Amino acid sequence: MVGESPVWRAGEQALYWVDIPAQKIVRLRIETGARAEWRLPEKVACIAFDHEGKVLAGCESGLFALTLPEPDGNDTSQDVTGRRLAAPSFACDDMRFNDGRCDRQGRFWAGTMVQDMAAANPAGALYRFDARGVLSAPIVDALITQNGLGWSPDGATMYLSDSHPSRRLIWAFDYDVDAGEPRNRRVFADLHKYAGRPDGAAVDADGCYWICANDAGLLLRFTPQGKLDRQIAVPPSKPAMCAFGGHDLTTLYVTSIRPGANATEHDGHLFAVRPGVSGLPEPEFAGKLQER
C-alpha cells in the first residue's frame, strides 16, 4: 500500500522496506527471490539497523528496538513486538514518525507528521536519536510532511524535504559532523518549478541527490549545487523512496505507493533501476539496541 524506507543490507544481499498501513517490515533476498514479512502492533514508517542486525524503527508511538526472527519453515510472515526506546511529545493527536535514516556518524534522524495530510497541519518536527539513546528536542519544526533525509558523502551537508503539496521544498543545511547539528538552512530545490512532490531520497557516490517525485512518476537527480541534471521515468505514478543496493551499489531500488481507486498495475510495487552511477553504503546506527 505505502512502500517506504528501503534499506540495502550488503551482508545479506537483501533489501528491506516497510509498508506503513500494513504495519509490516518486508525483506527480499534479491538472488533467490525469497521474501519474508514481519507484522508490528502499529504503523512503521522508517527503519535502520545496528551493527548486530537489530532494527531501529520509527512508528506511531515512538522509536522501537526490534529483533526480526528468521522464518521457520514455510511460515514467512511473523508477528514481532519490540521495546519502545523513546517518544517525542507529539504536538497533537493522530501523529506518527515518517521518513528516517542515520547520518554518516550513525545518529538516527526521523521526523513526525500528522497522518491526515489534508489537514495541512505544520505540527511535524525533525528529531535526532543518538548512540547514547537520547532523543533530542525538535531540531527543525513547523513541518507538514517531513521527508527526503540524506547526507553528502562527507557528511557535511544534510538534506530535508517537505512533500506536502503546499510546500514541495527541499532544503540543504551545513552539518556539523562532530556535534550532529544542522545549520544555515536554505532552499536547495523548489519542486514547484518541476513535476511532482519531493518524497524519499538517496545520495550517490558523486554527491548528487536523488529524489522520488511523487505524483509525477519520476526520479530527479540534483547536483550538489541544486541543479537538476537527470530525470528518469518510472512505471508507478507515486514513487516513494529510493536506495542504492546490489553487489556494487549500482542498482537503485524504488518503493512506491498504491493510491486506492486510481491505482494502476504498476503502483504499490518495488522497482529496480540501473542509473549508471553507484551509491553509498547505508550507515548503521552507532548505538547498541537492546530489545529488552
C-alpha atoms as a PDB file:
ATOM      1  CA  MET A   1       0.000   0.000   0.000  1.00  0.00           C
ATOM      2  CA  VAL A   2       2.681   2.510   1.050  1.00  0.00           C
ATOM      3  CA  GLY A   3       6.176   1.159   0.383  1.00  0.00           C
ATOM      4  CA  GLU A   4       8.817   3.248   2.142  1.00  0.00           C
ATOM      5  CA  SER A   5      12.279   3.219   3.744  1.00  0.00           C
ATOM      6  CA  PRO A   6      14.211   0.767   1.531  1.00  0.00           C
ATOM      7  CA  VAL A   7      17.490  -0.280   3.181  1.00  0.00           C
ATOM      8  CA  TRP A   8      20.115  -2.469   1.494  1.00  0.00           C
ATOM      9  CA  ARG A   9      21.904  -4.984   3.753  1.00  0.00           C
ATOM     10  CA  ALA A  10      25.103  -5.939   1.937  1.00  0.00           C
ATOM     11  CA  GLY A  11      25.949  -8.817   4.258  1.00  0.00           C
ATOM     12  CA  GLU A  12      22.635 -10.473   3.436  1.00  0.00           C
ATOM     13  CA  GLN A  13      22.398  -9.303  -0.176  1.00  0.00           C
ATOM     14  CA  ALA A  14      18.852  -8.364   0.753  1.00  0.00           C
ATOM     15  CA  LEU A  15      16.617  -5.325   0.586  1.00  0.00           C
ATOM     16  CA  TYR A  16      14.372  -4.372   3.489  1.00  0.00           C
ATOM     17  CA  TRP A  17      11.499  -1.892   3.343  1.00  0.00           C
ATOM     18  CA  VAL A  18       8.240  -1.098   5.136  1.00  0.00           C
ATOM     19  CA  ASP A  19       4.566  -0.999   4.212  1.00  0.00           C
ATOM     20  CA  ILE A  20       3.205   1.703   6.510  1.00  0.00           C
ATOM     21  CA  PRO A  21      -0.562   0.977   6.743  1.00  0.00           C
ATOM     22  CA  ALA A  22       0.025  -2.790   6.649  1.00  0.00           C
ATOM     23  CA  GLN A  23       2.297  -2.383   9.714  1.00  0.00           C
ATOM     24  CA  LYS A  24       4.956  -4.549   8.058  1.00  0.00           C
ATOM     25  CA  ILE A  25       8.678  -4.776   7.541  1.00  0.00           C
ATOM     26  CA  VAL A  26       9.498  -6.752   4.389  1.00  0.00           C
ATOM     27  CA  ARG A  27      12.727  -8.424   3.250  1.00  0.00           C
ATOM     28  CA  LEU A  28      13.577  -9.627  -0.245  1.00  0.00           C
ATOM     29  CA  ARG A  29      16.687 -11.682  -0.919  1.00  0.00           C
ATOM     30  CA  ILE A  30      17.488 -10.462  -4.406  1.00  0.00           C
ATOM     31  CA  GLU A  31      19.280 -13.522  -5.807  1.00  0.00           C
ATOM     32  CA  THR A  32      16.762 -16.139  -4.640  1.00  0.00           C
ATOM     33  CA  GLY A  33      13.581 -14.055  -4.538  1.00  0.00           C
ATOM     34  CA  ALA A  34      12.863 -15.316  -1.005  1.00  0.00           C
ATOM     35  CA  ARG A  35      10.536 -12.923   0.792  1.00  0.00           C
ATOM     36  CA  ALA A  36       9.810 -12.545   4.494  1.00  0.00           C
ATOM     37  CA  GLU A  37       7.461 -10.220   6.366  1.00  0.00           C
ATOM     38  CA  TRP A  38       7.205  -9.132   9.988  1.00  0.00           C
ATOM     39  CA  ARG A  39       3.994  -7.550  11.338  1.00  0.00           C
ATOM     40  CA  LEU A  40       4.191  -4.874  14.027  1.00  0.00           C
ATOM     41  CA  PRO A  41       1.497  -3.789  16.514  1.00  0.00           C
ATOM     42  CA  GLU A  42       1.376  -0.319  14.946  1.00  0.00           C
ATOM     43  CA  LYS A  43       2.332   1.506  11.763  1.00  0.00           C
ATOM     44  CA  VAL A  44       6.027   1.536  10.952  1.00  0.00           C
ATOM     45  CA  ALA A  45       7.402   4.213   8.610  1.00  0.00           C
ATOM     46  CA  CYS A  46      11.211   4.064   8.718  1.00  0.00           C
ATOM     47  CA  ILE A  47      13.945   1.661   9.758  1.00  0.00           C
ATOM     48  CA  ALA A  48      17.683   1.453  10.319  1.00  0.00           C
ATOM     49  CA  PHE A  49      19.928  -1.354  11.569  1.00  0.00           C
ATOM     50  CA  ASP A  50      22.602  -1.507  14.247  1.00  0.00           C
ATOM     51  CA  HIS A  51      25.869  -3.434  13.920  1.00  0.00           C
ATOM     52  CA  GLU A  52      24.246  -6.621  15.260  1.00  0.00           C
ATOM     53  CA  GLY A  53      21.338  -6.559  12.826  1.00  0.00           C
ATOM     54  CA  LYS A  54      18.716  -5.314  15.246  1.00  0.00           C
ATOM     55  CA  VAL A  55      16.225  -2.806  13.876  1.00  0.00           C
ATOM     56  CA  LEU A  56      15.557   0.759  14.991  1.00  0.00           C
ATOM     57  CA  ALA A  57      12.040   1.576  13.810  1.00  0.00           C
ATOM     58  CA  GLY A  58      10.112   4.853  13.712  1.00  0.00           C
ATOM     59  CA  CYS A  59       6.466   4.039  14.396  1.00  0.00           C
ATOM     60  CA  GLU A  60       3.265   5.719  15.553  1.00  0.00           C
ATOM     61  CA  SER A  61       4.016   5.968  19.261  1.00  0.00           C
ATOM     62  CA  GLY A  62       7.785   6.367  19.158  1.00  0.00           C
ATOM     63  CA  LEU A  63      11.095   4.726  18.285  1.00  0.00           C
ATOM     64  CA  PHE A  64      11.379   0.980  18.867  1.00  0.00           C
ATOM     65  CA  ALA A  65      14.137  -1.650  19.040  1.00  0.00           C
ATOM     66  CA  LEU A  66      13.162  -4.832  17.209  1.00  0.00           C
ATOM     67  CA  THR A  67      14.649  -8.252  16.584  1.00  0.00           C
ATOM     68  CA  LEU A  68      13.440  -9.874  13.362  1.00  0.00           C
ATOM     69  CA  PRO A  69      13.438 -13.675  13.754  1.00  0.00           C
ATOM     70  CA  GLU A  70      14.289 -15.784  10.740  1.00  0.00           C
ATOM     71  CA  PRO A  71      11.302 -17.520   9.135  1.00  0.00           C
ATOM     72  CA  ASP A  72      10.617 -21.010  10.446  1.00  0.00           C
ATOM     73  CA  GLY A  73       9.852 -23.398   7.610  1.00  0.00           C
ATOM     74  CA  ASN A  74       7.119 -22.206   5.288  1.00  0.00           C
ATOM     75  CA  ASP A  75       5.888 -19.504   7.660  1.00  0.00           C
ATOM     76  CA  THR A  76       7.371 -16.396   6.061  1.00  0.00           C
ATOM     77  CA  SER A  77       5.133 -13.923   7.915  1.00  0.00           C
ATOM     78  CA  GLN A  78       5.560 -13.383  11.645  1.00  0.00           C
ATOM     79  CA  ASP A  79       4.355 -11.037  14.356  1.00  0.00           C
ATOM     80  CA  VAL A  80       7.012  -9.070  16.233  1.00  0.00           C
ATOM     81  CA  THR A  81       6.971  -6.675  19.139  1.00  0.00           C
ATOM     82  CA  GLY A  82       9.802  -4.622  20.499  1.00  0.00           C
ATOM     83  CA  ARG A  83      10.800  -2.192  23.187  1.00  0.00           C
ATOM     84  CA  ARG A  84       9.955   1.455  22.910  1.00  0.00           C
ATOM     85  CA  LEU A  85      13.178   3.412  23.244  1.00  0.00           C
ATOM     86  CA  ALA A  86      11.927   6.981  23.124  1.00  0.00           C
ATOM     87  CA  ALA A  87       8.963   9.086  22.118  1.00  0.00           C
ATOM     88  CA  PRO A  88       8.577  12.783  21.411  1.00  0.00           C
ATOM     89  CA  SER A  89       5.858  14.936  22.876  1.00  0.00           C
ATOM     90  CA  PHE A  90       3.546  14.897  19.874  1.00  0.00           C
ATOM     91  CA  ALA A  91       2.037  18.306  19.215  1.00  0.00           C
ATOM     92  CA  CYS A  92      -1.432  16.871  18.579  1.00  0.00           C
ATOM     93  CA  ASP A  93      -3.327  13.628  18.091  1.00  0.00           C
ATOM     94  CA  ASP A  94      -3.010  11.308  15.081  1.00  0.00           C
ATOM     95  CA  MET A  95       0.715  11.759  14.522  1.00  0.00           C
ATOM     96  CA  ARG A  96       3.472   9.289  13.661  1.00  0.00           C
ATOM     97  CA  PHE A  97       7.063   9.161  12.548  1.00  0.00           C
ATOM     98  CA  ASN A  98       7.649   9.365   8.790  1.00  0.00           C
ATOM     99  CA  ASP A  99      10.989   9.474   6.952  1.00  0.00           C
ATOM    100  CA  GLY A 100      14.117   8.483   8.873  1.00  0.00           C
ATOM    101  CA  ARG A 101      17.725   7.268   8.458  1.00  0.00           C
ATOM    102  CA  CYS A 102      21.177   7.504  10.014  1.00  0.00           C
ATOM    103  CA  ASP A 103      23.738  10.208   9.320  1.00  0.00           C
ATOM    104  CA  ARG A 104      27.304   9.210   8.352  1.00  0.00           C
ATOM    105  CA  GLN A 105      28.265   9.017  12.043  1.00  0.00           C
ATOM    106  CA  GLY A 106      25.408   6.639  12.917  1.00  0.00           C
ATOM    107  CA  ARG A 107      22.963   9.016  14.597  1.00  0.00           C
ATOM    108  CA  PHE A 108      19.346   8.225  13.705  1.00  0.00           C
ATOM    109  CA  TRP A 109      17.259  11.117  12.411  1.00  0.00           C
ATOM    110  CA  ALA A 110      13.492  10.953  11.852  1.00  0.00           C
ATOM    111  CA  GLY A 111      10.605  13.350  11.502  1.00  0.00           C
ATOM    112  CA  THR A 112       6.974  13.340  12.550  1.00  0.00           C
ATOM    113  CA  MET A 113       3.795  14.274  10.723  1.00  0.00           C
ATOM    114  CA  VAL A 114       0.027  14.487  11.197  1.00  0.00           C
ATOM    115  CA  GLN A 115      -1.393  11.438   9.428  1.00  0.00           C
ATOM    116  CA  ASP A 116      -4.263  13.382   7.852  1.00  0.00           C
ATOM    117  CA  MET A 117      -2.336  15.165   5.106  1.00  0.00           C
ATOM    118  CA  ALA A 118      -5.471  17.019   4.018  1.00  0.00           C
ATOM    119  CA  ALA A 119      -5.326  18.940   7.302  1.00  0.00           C
ATOM    120  CA  ALA A 120      -2.004  20.535   6.196  1.00  0.00           C
ATOM    121  CA  ASN A 121      -1.055  20.817   9.855  1.00  0.00           C
ATOM    122  CA  PRO A 122       2.556  22.014  10.341  1.00  0.00           C
ATOM    123  CA  ALA A 123       2.857  20.140  13.643  1.00  0.00           C
ATOM    124  CA  GLY A 124       5.656  17.869  12.430  1.00  0.00           C
ATOM    125  CA  ALA A 125       9.261  18.137  13.536  1.00  0.00           C
ATOM    126  CA  LEU A 126      12.658  16.548  12.938  1.00  0.00           C
ATOM    127  CA  TYR A 127      14.466  14.740  15.784  1.00  0.00           C
ATOM    128  CA  ARG A 128      17.881  13.197  16.427  1.00  0.00           C
ATOM    129  CA  PHE A 129      18.343   9.926  18.348  1.00  0.00           C
ATOM    130  CA  ASP A 130      21.986   9.413  19.292  1.00  0.00           C
ATOM    131  CA  ALA A 131      24.126   6.426  20.236  1.00  0.00           C
ATOM    132  CA  ARG A 132      23.525   7.102  23.947  1.00  0.00           C
ATOM    133  CA  GLY A 133      19.813   6.545  23.407  1.00  0.00           C
ATOM    134  CA  VAL A 134      18.878  10.205  23.852  1.00  0.00           C
ATOM    135  CA  LEU A 135      16.094  11.707  21.753  1.00  0.00           C
ATOM    136  CA  SER A 136      16.597  15.401  21.060  1.00  0.00           C
ATOM    137  CA  ALA A 137      14.087  18.197  21.292  1.00  0.00           C
ATOM    138  CA  PRO A 138      12.684  19.261  17.898  1.00  0.00           C
ATOM    139  CA  ILE A 139      15.598  20.443  15.735  1.00  0.00           C
ATOM    140  CA  VAL A 140      13.531  21.530  12.713  1.00  0.00           C
ATOM    141  CA  ASP A 141       9.875  22.300  13.378  1.00  0.00           C
ATOM    142  CA  ALA A 142       6.777  23.505  11.500  1.00  0.00           C
ATOM    143  CA  LEU A 143       6.919  20.597   9.028  1.00  0.00           C
ATOM    144  CA  ILE A 144       3.766  19.275   7.379  1.00  0.00           C
ATOM    145  CA  THR A 145       5.038  16.096   5.692  1.00  0.00           C
ATOM    146  CA  GLN A 146       8.692  15.558   6.597  1.00  0.00           C
ATOM    147  CA  ASN A 147      10.703  13.635   4.004  1.00  0.00           C
ATOM    148  CA  GLY A 148      13.870  13.483   1.912  1.00  0.00           C
ATOM    149  CA  LEU A 149      16.570  12.983   4.553  1.00  0.00           C
ATOM    150  CA  GLY A 150      20.063  12.464   3.182  1.00  0.00           C
ATOM    151  CA  TRP A 151      23.711  13.409   3.703  1.00  0.00           C
ATOM    152  CA  SER A 152      26.522  14.243   1.314  1.00  0.00           C
ATOM    153  CA  PRO A 153      29.350  11.666   1.057  1.00  0.00           C
ATOM    154  CA  ASP A 154      31.498  13.608   3.533  1.00  0.00           C
ATOM    155  CA  GLY A 155      28.503  14.145   5.825  1.00  0.00           C
ATOM    156  CA  ALA A 156      28.946  17.915   5.816  1.00  0.00           C
ATOM    157  CA  THR A 157      25.623  18.672   4.065  1.00  0.00           C
ATOM    158  CA  MET A 158      22.231  17.469   5.281  1.00  0.00           C
ATOM    159  CA  TYR A 159      19.127  17.399   3.077  1.00  0.00           C
ATOM    160  CA  LEU A 160      15.494  17.529   4.182  1.00  0.00           C
ATOM    161  CA  SER A 161      12.220  17.994   2.320  1.00  0.00           C
ATOM    162  CA  ASP A 162       8.569  18.705   2.977  1.00  0.00           C
ATOM    163  CA  SER A 163       6.487  16.784   0.465  1.00  0.00           C
ATOM    164  CA  HIS A 164       3.112  18.328   1.243  1.00  0.00           C
ATOM    165  CA  PRO A 165       1.501  19.799  -1.924  1.00  0.00           C
ATOM    166  CA  SER A 166       1.573  23.258  -0.361  1.00  0.00           C
ATOM    167  CA  ARG A 167       5.331  23.065   0.381  1.00  0.00           C
ATOM    168  CA  ARG A 168       7.204  20.907  -2.188  1.00  0.00           C
ATOM    169  CA  LEU A 169      10.585  22.167  -0.954  1.00  0.00           C
ATOM    170  CA  ILE A 170      13.977  20.532  -0.437  1.00  0.00           C
ATOM    171  CA  TRP A 171      16.384  22.240   1.964  1.00  0.00           C
ATOM    172  CA  ALA A 172      20.125  21.880   2.467  1.00  0.00           C
ATOM    173  CA  PHE A 173      21.938  22.531   5.749  1.00  0.00           C
ATOM    174  CA  ASP A 174      25.572  22.825   6.733  1.00  0.00           C
ATOM    175  CA  TYR A 175      26.029  19.831   9.017  1.00  0.00           C
ATOM    176  CA  ASP A 176      28.412  19.753  11.978  1.00  0.00           C
ATOM    177  CA  VAL A 177      29.526  16.121  11.850  1.00  0.00           C
ATOM    178  CA  ASP A 178      31.006  16.208  15.365  1.00  0.00           C
ATOM    179  CA  ALA A 179      28.031  17.771  17.143  1.00  0.00           C
ATOM    180  CA  GLY A 180      25.334  16.361  14.865  1.00  0.00           C
ATOM    181  CA  GLU A 181      23.804  19.784  14.329  1.00  0.00           C
ATOM    182  CA  PRO A 182      22.420  21.240  11.078  1.00  0.00           C
ATOM    183  CA  ARG A 183      22.884  24.959  10.476  1.00  0.00           C
ATOM    184  CA  ASN A 184      22.402  27.548   7.722  1.00  0.00           C
ATOM    185  CA  ARG A 185      19.154  26.222   6.291  1.00  0.00           C
ATOM    186  CA  ARG A 186      18.484  27.258   2.687  1.00  0.00           C
ATOM    187  CA  VAL A 187      16.284  26.146  -0.211  1.00  0.00           C
ATOM    188  CA  PHE A 188      18.129  23.526  -2.256  1.00  0.00           C
ATOM    189  CA  ALA A 189      15.346  22.839  -4.779  1.00  0.00           C
ATOM    190  CA  ASP A 190      11.793  24.126  -5.194  1.00  0.00           C
ATOM    191  CA  LEU A 191       9.714  21.404  -6.843  1.00  0.00           C
ATOM    192  CA  HIS A 192       7.039  23.924  -7.771  1.00  0.00           C
ATOM    193  CA  LYS A 193       9.427  24.505 -10.706  1.00  0.00           C
ATOM    194  CA  TYR A 194       9.430  20.812 -11.610  1.00  0.00           C
ATOM    195  CA  ALA A 195       6.976  17.910 -11.645  1.00  0.00           C
ATOM    196  CA  GLY A 196       5.801  16.076  -8.565  1.00  0.00           C
ATOM    197  CA  ARG A 197       6.373  16.324  -4.831  1.00  0.00           C
ATOM    198  CA  PRO A 198       9.715  15.562  -3.097  1.00  0.00           C
ATOM    199  CA  ASP A 199       9.382  12.245  -1.259  1.00  0.00           C
ATOM    200  CA  GLY A 200      12.184   9.908  -0.116  1.00  0.00           C
ATOM    201  CA  ALA A 201      15.753  10.369  -1.314  1.00  0.00           C
ATOM    202  CA  ALA A 202      19.215   8.866  -1.736  1.00  0.00           C
ATOM    203  CA  VAL A 203      22.677  10.361  -2.307  1.00  0.00           C
ATOM    204  CA  ASP A 204      25.050   8.781  -4.821  1.00  0.00           C
ATOM    205  CA  ALA A 205      28.841   8.452  -4.710  1.00  0.00           C
ATOM    206  CA  ASP A 206      29.193  11.650  -6.769  1.00  0.00           C
ATOM    207  CA  GLY A 207      27.355  13.578  -4.079  1.00  0.00           C
ATOM    208  CA  CYS A 208      24.237  14.046  -6.202  1.00  0.00           C
ATOM    209  CA  TYR A 209      20.817  13.925  -4.544  1.00  0.00           C
ATOM    210  CA  TRP A 210      18.135  11.609  -5.974  1.00  0.00           C
ATOM    211  CA  ILE A 211      14.551  12.426  -5.019  1.00  0.00           C
ATOM    212  CA  CYS A 212      11.388  10.469  -5.778  1.00  0.00           C
ATOM    213  CA  ALA A 213       8.975  12.865  -7.480  1.00  0.00           C
ATOM    214  CA  ASN A 214       5.714  11.574  -6.053  1.00  0.00           C
ATOM    215  CA  ASP A 215       2.637  12.037  -8.296  1.00  0.00           C
ATOM    216  CA  ALA A 216       4.918  12.536 -11.331  1.00  0.00           C
ATOM    217  CA  GLY A 217       6.359   9.040 -11.839  1.00  0.00           C
ATOM    218  CA  LEU A 218       9.903  10.408 -11.901  1.00  0.00           C
ATOM    219  CA  LEU A 219      13.273  10.165 -10.218  1.00  0.00           C
ATOM    220  CA  LEU A 220      15.090  13.502 -10.202  1.00  0.00           C
ATOM    221  CA  ARG A 221      18.830  13.919  -9.641  1.00  0.00           C
ATOM    222  CA  PHE A 222      20.173  17.237  -8.404  1.00  0.00           C
ATOM    223  CA  THR A 223      23.854  18.128  -8.314  1.00  0.00           C
ATOM    224  CA  PRO A 224      25.330  19.400  -5.020  1.00  0.00           C
ATOM    225  CA  GLN A 225      24.750  22.907  -6.397  1.00  0.00           C
ATOM    226  CA  GLY A 226      20.997  22.241  -6.676  1.00  0.00           C
ATOM    227  CA  LYS A 227      20.910  21.891 -10.463  1.00  0.00           C
ATOM    228  CA  LEU A 228      18.632  19.252 -11.975  1.00  0.00           C
ATOM    229  CA  ASP A 229      20.880  17.209 -14.270  1.00  0.00           C
ATOM    230  CA  ARG A 230      18.910  13.985 -14.816  1.00  0.00           C
ATOM    231  CA  GLN A 231      15.411  12.593 -14.628  1.00  0.00           C
ATOM    232  CA  ILE A 232      14.241   9.011 -15.065  1.00  0.00           C
ATOM    233  CA  ALA A 233      10.648   7.985 -15.668  1.00  0.00           C
ATOM    234  CA  VAL A 234       9.492   5.005 -13.591  1.00  0.00           C
ATOM    235  CA  PRO A 235       6.317   2.906 -14.015  1.00  0.00           C
ATOM    236  CA  PRO A 236       4.486   3.886 -10.783  1.00  0.00           C
ATOM    237  CA  SER A 237       2.879   7.300 -10.553  1.00  0.00           C
ATOM    238  CA  LYS A 238       3.855   7.614  -6.878  1.00  0.00           C
ATOM    239  CA  PRO A 239       7.464   6.564  -6.318  1.00  0.00           C
ATOM    240  CA  ALA A 240       8.048   6.965  -2.598  1.00  0.00           C
ATOM    241  CA  MET A 241      11.687   6.374  -1.678  1.00  0.00           C
ATOM    242  CA  CYS A 242      14.867   5.058  -3.270  1.00  0.00           C
ATOM    243  CA  ALA A 243      18.029   3.339  -2.035  1.00  0.00           C
ATOM    244  CA  PHE A 244      21.180   2.094  -3.725  1.00  0.00           C
ATOM    245  CA  GLY A 245      21.959  -1.613  -3.435  1.00  0.00           C
ATOM    246  CA  GLY A 246      23.195  -4.710  -5.203  1.00  0.00           C
ATOM    247  CA  HIS A 247      26.703  -6.190  -5.206  1.00  0.00           C
ATOM    248  CA  ASP A 248      28.322  -2.964  -6.412  1.00  0.00           C
ATOM    249  CA  LEU A 249      25.683  -0.482  -5.212  1.00  0.00           C
ATOM    250  CA  THR A 250      24.743   0.373  -8.804  1.00  0.00           C
ATOM    251  CA  THR A 251      21.090  -0.623  -8.561  1.00  0.00           C
ATOM    252  CA  LEU A 252      18.623   1.996  -7.360  1.00  0.00           C
ATOM    253  CA  TYR A 253      15.674   0.303  -5.659  1.00  0.00           C
ATOM    254  CA  VAL A 254      12.440   2.291  -5.662  1.00  0.00           C
ATOM    255  CA  THR A 255       9.403   1.671  -3.458  1.00  0.00           C
ATOM    256  CA  SER A 256       6.002   3.041  -4.445  1.00  0.00           C
ATOM    257  CA  ILE A 257       2.513   3.800  -3.174  1.00  0.00           C
ATOM    258  CA  ARG A 258      -0.787   2.310  -4.312  1.00  0.00           C
ATOM    259  CA  PRO A 259      -3.281   5.210  -4.355  1.00  0.00           C
ATOM    260  CA  GLY A 260      -6.533   3.321  -3.834  1.00  0.00           C
ATOM    261  CA  ALA A 261      -9.175   3.553  -6.547  1.00  0.00           C
ATOM    262  CA  ASN A 262      -6.902   5.356  -9.001  1.00  0.00           C
ATOM    263  CA  ALA A 263      -4.111   2.789  -8.821  1.00  0.00           C
ATOM    264  CA  THR A 264      -2.531   1.396 -11.956  1.00  0.00           C
ATOM    265  CA  GLU A 265      -0.996  -2.050 -12.392  1.00  0.00           C
ATOM    266  CA  HIS A 266       2.408  -0.578 -11.560  1.00  0.00           C
ATOM    267  CA  ASP A 267       1.545   1.178  -8.292  1.00  0.00           C
ATOM    268  CA  GLY A 268       2.479  -0.353  -4.961  1.00  0.00           C
ATOM    269  CA  HIS A 269       5.384  -2.412  -6.307  1.00  0.00           C
ATOM    270  CA  LEU A 270       9.153  -2.429  -5.862  1.00  0.00           C
ATOM    271  CA  PHE A 271      11.289  -1.490  -8.869  1.00  0.00           C
ATOM    272  CA  ALA A 272      14.991  -1.721  -9.726  1.00  0.00           C
ATOM    273  CA  VAL A 273      16.705   0.931 -11.857  1.00  0.00           C
ATOM    274  CA  ARG A 274      20.245   0.981 -13.229  1.00  0.00           C
ATOM    275  CA  PRO A 275      21.025   4.714 -13.353  1.00  0.00           C
ATOM    276  CA  GLY A 276      24.667   4.331 -14.379  1.00  0.00           C
ATOM    277  CA  VAL A 277      26.090   5.632 -11.103  1.00  0.00           C
ATOM    278  CA  SER A 278      26.886   3.967  -7.785  1.00  0.00           C
ATOM    279  CA  GLY A 279      25.604   4.717  -4.342  1.00  0.00           C
ATOM    280  CA  LEU A 280      26.994   4.685  -0.823  1.00  0.00           C
ATOM    281  CA  PRO A 281      26.579   2.067   1.914  1.00  0.00           C
ATOM    282  CA  GLU A 282      23.683   2.838   4.243  1.00  0.00           C
ATOM    283  CA  PRO A 283      25.111   3.852   7.645  1.00  0.00           C
ATOM    284  CA  GLU A 284      24.222   1.713  10.641  1.00  0.00           C
ATOM    285  CA  PHE A 285      23.041   3.052  13.986  1.00  0.00           C
ATOM    286  CA  ALA A 286      26.106   3.653  16.153  1.00  0.00           C
ATOM    287  CA  GLY A 287      24.421   2.649  19.410  1.00  0.00           C
ATOM    288  CA  LYS A 288      23.525  -0.799  20.663  1.00  0.00           C
ATOM    289  CA  LEU A 289      19.837  -1.606  20.521  1.00  0.00           C
ATOM    290  CA  GLN A 290      18.575  -3.596  23.478  1.00  0.00           C
ATOM    291  CA  GLU A 291      15.156  -5.074  22.830  1.00  0.00           C
ATOM    292  CA  ARG A 292      14.609  -5.986  26.461  1.00  0.00           C
END
